[in-house]
């Protein structure tokens, strides 16, 4: 087959590629139909229609999606804060790296990290 491809012109190769893409799309459509029929049969075997299993009840909320961690400019994921400054709730610390001054002051005053845990 490789030898045959090397002898083909660009136009012939483009046509072959288009024919292959068309065949793949047709095969995908056929496979989807087969899968749909199998899913309908499985639902029917359990006493349901496929529509009953795939539609939500009114008022039912969709399952929550897992959230991705936001990342810093350098590609590392941001870490959720674990500690909060009691004097300024806007100041937080993830527990990684050097402790901020307010955490160091709290520990030096005899407090524990866990006292400031979120």
C-alpha atoms as a PDB file:
ATOM      1  CA  UNK A   1       0.000   0.000   0.000  1.00  0.00           C
ATOM      2  CA  UNK A   2       2.879   2.389   0.770  1.00  0.00           C
ATOM      3  CA  UNK A   3       4.269   1.998  -2.720  1.00  0.00           C
ATOM      4  CA  UNK A   4       0.862   2.801  -4.182  1.00  0.00           C
ATOM      5  CA  UNK A   5       0.579   5.972  -2.099  1.00  0.00           C
ATOM      6  CA  UNK A   6       3.978   7.179  -3.286  1.00  0.00           C
ATOM      7  CA  UNK A   7       2.854   6.853  -6.888  1.00  0.00           C
ATOM      8  CA  UNK A   8      -0.350   8.880  -6.382  1.00  0.00           C
ATOM      9  CA  UNK A   9      -0.629  12.558  -7.243  1.00  0.00           C
ATOM     10  CA  UNK A  10      -1.566  15.226  -4.725  1.00  0.00           C
ATOM     11  CA  UNK A  11      -5.055  15.440  -6.192  1.00  0.00           C
ATOM     12  CA  UNK A  12      -5.533  11.680  -5.870  1.00  0.00           C
ATOM     13  CA  UNK A  13      -4.281  11.723  -2.275  1.00  0.00           C
ATOM     14  CA  UNK A  14      -6.652  14.593  -1.378  1.00  0.00           C
ATOM     15  CA  UNK A  15      -9.568  12.663  -2.858  1.00  0.00           C
ATOM     16  CA  UNK A  16      -8.515   9.544  -0.937  1.00  0.00           C
ATOM     17  CA  UNK A  17      -8.362  11.561   2.297  1.00  0.00           C
ATOM     18  CA  UNK A  18     -11.857  12.984   1.660  1.00  0.00           C
ATOM     19  CA  UNK A  19     -13.186   9.492   0.929  1.00  0.00           C
ATOM     20  CA  UNK A  20     -11.639   8.153   4.140  1.00  0.00           C
ATOM     21  CA  UNK A  21     -13.136  11.007   6.206  1.00  0.00           C
ATOM     22  CA  UNK A  22     -16.563  10.362   4.661  1.00  0.00           C
ATOM     23  CA  UNK A  23     -16.289   6.654   5.428  1.00  0.00           C
ATOM     24  CA  UNK A  24     -15.277   7.368   9.036  1.00  0.00           C
ATOM     25  CA  UNK A  25     -18.228   9.741   9.531  1.00  0.00           C
ATOM     26  CA  UNK A  26     -20.622   7.140   8.120  1.00  0.00           C
ATOM     27  CA  UNK A  27     -19.155   4.470  10.387  1.00  0.00           C
ATOM     28  CA  UNK A  28     -19.478   6.781  13.411  1.00  0.00           C
ATOM     29  CA  UNK A  29     -23.142   7.409  12.601  1.00  0.00           C
ATOM     30  CA  UNK A  30     -23.764   3.676  12.271  1.00  0.00           C
ATOM     31  CA  UNK A  31     -21.969   2.960  15.567  1.00  0.00           C
ATOM     32  CA  UNK A  32     -23.998   5.664  17.347  1.00  0.00           C
ATOM     33  CA  UNK A  33     -27.248   4.155  16.070  1.00  0.00           C
ATOM     34  CA  UNK A  34     -26.172   0.732  17.283  1.00  0.00           C
ATOM     35  CA  UNK A  35     -25.187   2.114  20.683  1.00  0.00           C
ATOM     36  CA  UNK A  36     -28.490   3.985  20.994  1.00  0.00           C
ATOM     37  CA  UNK A  37     -30.472   0.835  20.217  1.00  0.00           C
ATOM     38  CA  UNK A  38     -28.429  -1.109  22.788  1.00  0.00           C
ATOM     39  CA  UNK A  39     -28.996   1.589  25.426  1.00  0.00           C
ATOM     40  CA  UNK A  40     -32.735   1.631  24.696  1.00  0.00           C
ATOM     41  CA  UNK A  41     -32.875  -2.168  24.994  1.00  0.00           C
ATOM     42  CA  UNK A  42     -30.983  -2.084  28.299  1.00  0.00           C
ATOM     43  CA  UNK A  43     -33.312   0.602  29.690  1.00  0.00           C
ATOM     44  CA  UNK A  44     -36.357  -1.374  28.533  1.00  0.00           C
ATOM     45  CA  UNK A  45     -34.999  -4.521  30.215  1.00  0.00           C
ATOM     46  CA  UNK A  46     -35.067  -2.588  33.512  1.00  0.00           C
ATOM     47  CA  UNK A  47     -38.556  -1.221  32.911  1.00  0.00           C
ATOM     48  CA  UNK A  48     -37.648   2.298  31.796  1.00  0.00           C
ATOM     49  CA  UNK A  49     -37.466   4.240  28.591  1.00  0.00           C
ATOM     50  CA  UNK A  50     -34.176   5.877  27.678  1.00  0.00           C
ATOM     51  CA  UNK A  51     -35.860   9.296  27.912  1.00  0.00           C
ATOM     52  CA  UNK A  52     -36.861   8.597  31.522  1.00  0.00           C
ATOM     53  CA  UNK A  53     -33.260   7.874  32.400  1.00  0.00           C
ATOM     54  CA  UNK A  54     -31.667  10.769  30.560  1.00  0.00           C
ATOM     55  CA  UNK A  55     -33.997  13.672  31.419  1.00  0.00           C
ATOM     56  CA  UNK A  56     -33.946  15.444  34.777  1.00  0.00           C
ATOM     57  CA  UNK A  57     -37.020  15.872  36.896  1.00  0.00           C
ATOM     58  CA  UNK A  58     -38.244  19.443  37.186  1.00  0.00           C
ATOM     59  CA  UNK A  59     -36.395  21.213  39.974  1.00  0.00           C
ATOM     60  CA  UNK A  60     -33.690  18.547  40.109  1.00  0.00           C
ATOM     61  CA  UNK A  61     -30.251  20.083  40.039  1.00  0.00           C
ATOM     62  CA  UNK A  62     -27.504  18.636  37.855  1.00  0.00           C
ATOM     63  CA  UNK A  63     -24.649  16.881  39.595  1.00  0.00           C
ATOM     64  CA  UNK A  64     -21.947  19.356  40.618  1.00  0.00           C
ATOM     65  CA  UNK A  65     -18.896  19.427  38.414  1.00  0.00           C
ATOM     66  CA  UNK A  66     -15.458  19.050  39.862  1.00  0.00           C
ATOM     67  CA  UNK A  67     -13.704  22.378  39.927  1.00  0.00           C
ATOM     68  CA  UNK A  68     -10.259  22.812  38.550  1.00  0.00           C
ATOM     69  CA  UNK A  69      -7.743  24.609  40.641  1.00  0.00           C
ATOM     70  CA  UNK A  70      -6.870  27.984  39.225  1.00  0.00           C
ATOM     71  CA  UNK A  71      -3.277  28.333  38.240  1.00  0.00           C
ATOM     72  CA  UNK A  72      -0.683  31.036  38.634  1.00  0.00           C
ATOM     73  CA  UNK A  73       1.005  32.696  35.679  1.00  0.00           C
ATOM     74  CA  UNK A  74       3.839  30.170  35.892  1.00  0.00           C
ATOM     75  CA  UNK A  75       1.450  27.200  35.570  1.00  0.00           C
ATOM     76  CA  UNK A  76       1.425  26.074  39.196  1.00  0.00           C
ATOM     77  CA  UNK A  77      -1.989  25.478  40.767  1.00  0.00           C
ATOM     78  CA  UNK A  78      -3.157  27.959  43.386  1.00  0.00           C
ATOM     79  CA  UNK A  79      -3.519  26.527  46.864  1.00  0.00           C
ATOM     80  CA  UNK A  80      -6.594  27.224  48.972  1.00  0.00           C
ATOM     81  CA  UNK A  81      -5.934  29.298  52.115  1.00  0.00           C
ATOM     82  CA  UNK A  82      -5.814  27.402  55.403  1.00  0.00           C
ATOM     83  CA  UNK A  83      -5.295  30.239  57.888  1.00  0.00           C
ATOM     84  CA  UNK A  84      -6.878  33.681  58.301  1.00  0.00           C
ATOM     85  CA  UNK A  85      -5.637  36.739  60.192  1.00  0.00           C
ATOM     86  CA  UNK A  86      -8.210  37.434  62.954  1.00  0.00           C
ATOM     87  CA  UNK A  87      -7.412  41.172  62.881  1.00  0.00           C
ATOM     88  CA  UNK A  88      -7.790  41.453  59.096  1.00  0.00           C
ATOM     89  CA  UNK A  89      -9.929  38.666  57.562  1.00  0.00           C
ATOM     90  CA  UNK A  90      -8.737  39.618  54.061  1.00  0.00           C
ATOM     91  CA  UNK A  91      -5.255  38.335  54.913  1.00  0.00           C
ATOM     92  CA  UNK A  92      -4.924  34.585  54.474  1.00  0.00           C
ATOM     93  CA  UNK A  93      -2.117  32.055  54.229  1.00  0.00           C
ATOM     94  CA  UNK A  94      -2.034  28.658  52.548  1.00  0.00           C
ATOM     95  CA  UNK A  95       0.414  27.193  55.036  1.00  0.00           C
ATOM     96  CA  UNK A  96       3.127  26.932  52.407  1.00  0.00           C
ATOM     97  CA  UNK A  97       6.304  28.920  52.330  1.00  0.00           C
ATOM     98  CA  UNK A  98       7.393  31.451  54.903  1.00  0.00           C
ATOM     99  CA  UNK A  99       4.728  32.327  57.478  1.00  0.00           C
ATOM    100  CA  UNK A 100       3.370  35.884  57.236  1.00  0.00           C
ATOM    101  CA  UNK A 101       4.117  38.352  60.022  1.00  0.00           C
ATOM    102  CA  UNK A 102       0.690  38.066  61.623  1.00  0.00           C
ATOM    103  CA  UNK A 103       1.084  34.274  61.896  1.00  0.00           C
ATOM    104  CA  UNK A 104       4.610  34.567  63.299  1.00  0.00           C
ATOM    105  CA  UNK A 105       3.419  37.163  65.850  1.00  0.00           C
ATOM    106  CA  UNK A 106       0.528  34.908  66.905  1.00  0.00           C
ATOM    107  CA  UNK A 107       2.844  31.924  67.433  1.00  0.00           C
ATOM    108  CA  UNK A 108       5.411  34.060  69.266  1.00  0.00           C
ATOM    109  CA  UNK A 109       2.627  35.259  71.587  1.00  0.00           C
ATOM    110  CA  UNK A 110       2.007  31.613  72.550  1.00  0.00           C
ATOM    111  CA  UNK A 111      -0.758  30.776  70.103  1.00  0.00           C
ATOM    112  CA  UNK A 112      -1.041  27.757  67.848  1.00  0.00           C
ATOM    113  CA  UNK A 113      -1.445  27.605  64.069  1.00  0.00           C
ATOM    114  CA  UNK A 114      -4.700  25.744  64.533  1.00  0.00           C
ATOM    115  CA  UNK A 115      -6.170  28.750  66.363  1.00  0.00           C
ATOM    116  CA  UNK A 116      -6.224  30.627  63.043  1.00  0.00           C
ATOM    117  CA  UNK A 117      -7.372  27.730  60.837  1.00  0.00           C
ATOM    118  CA  UNK A 118     -10.226  28.514  58.488  1.00  0.00           C
END
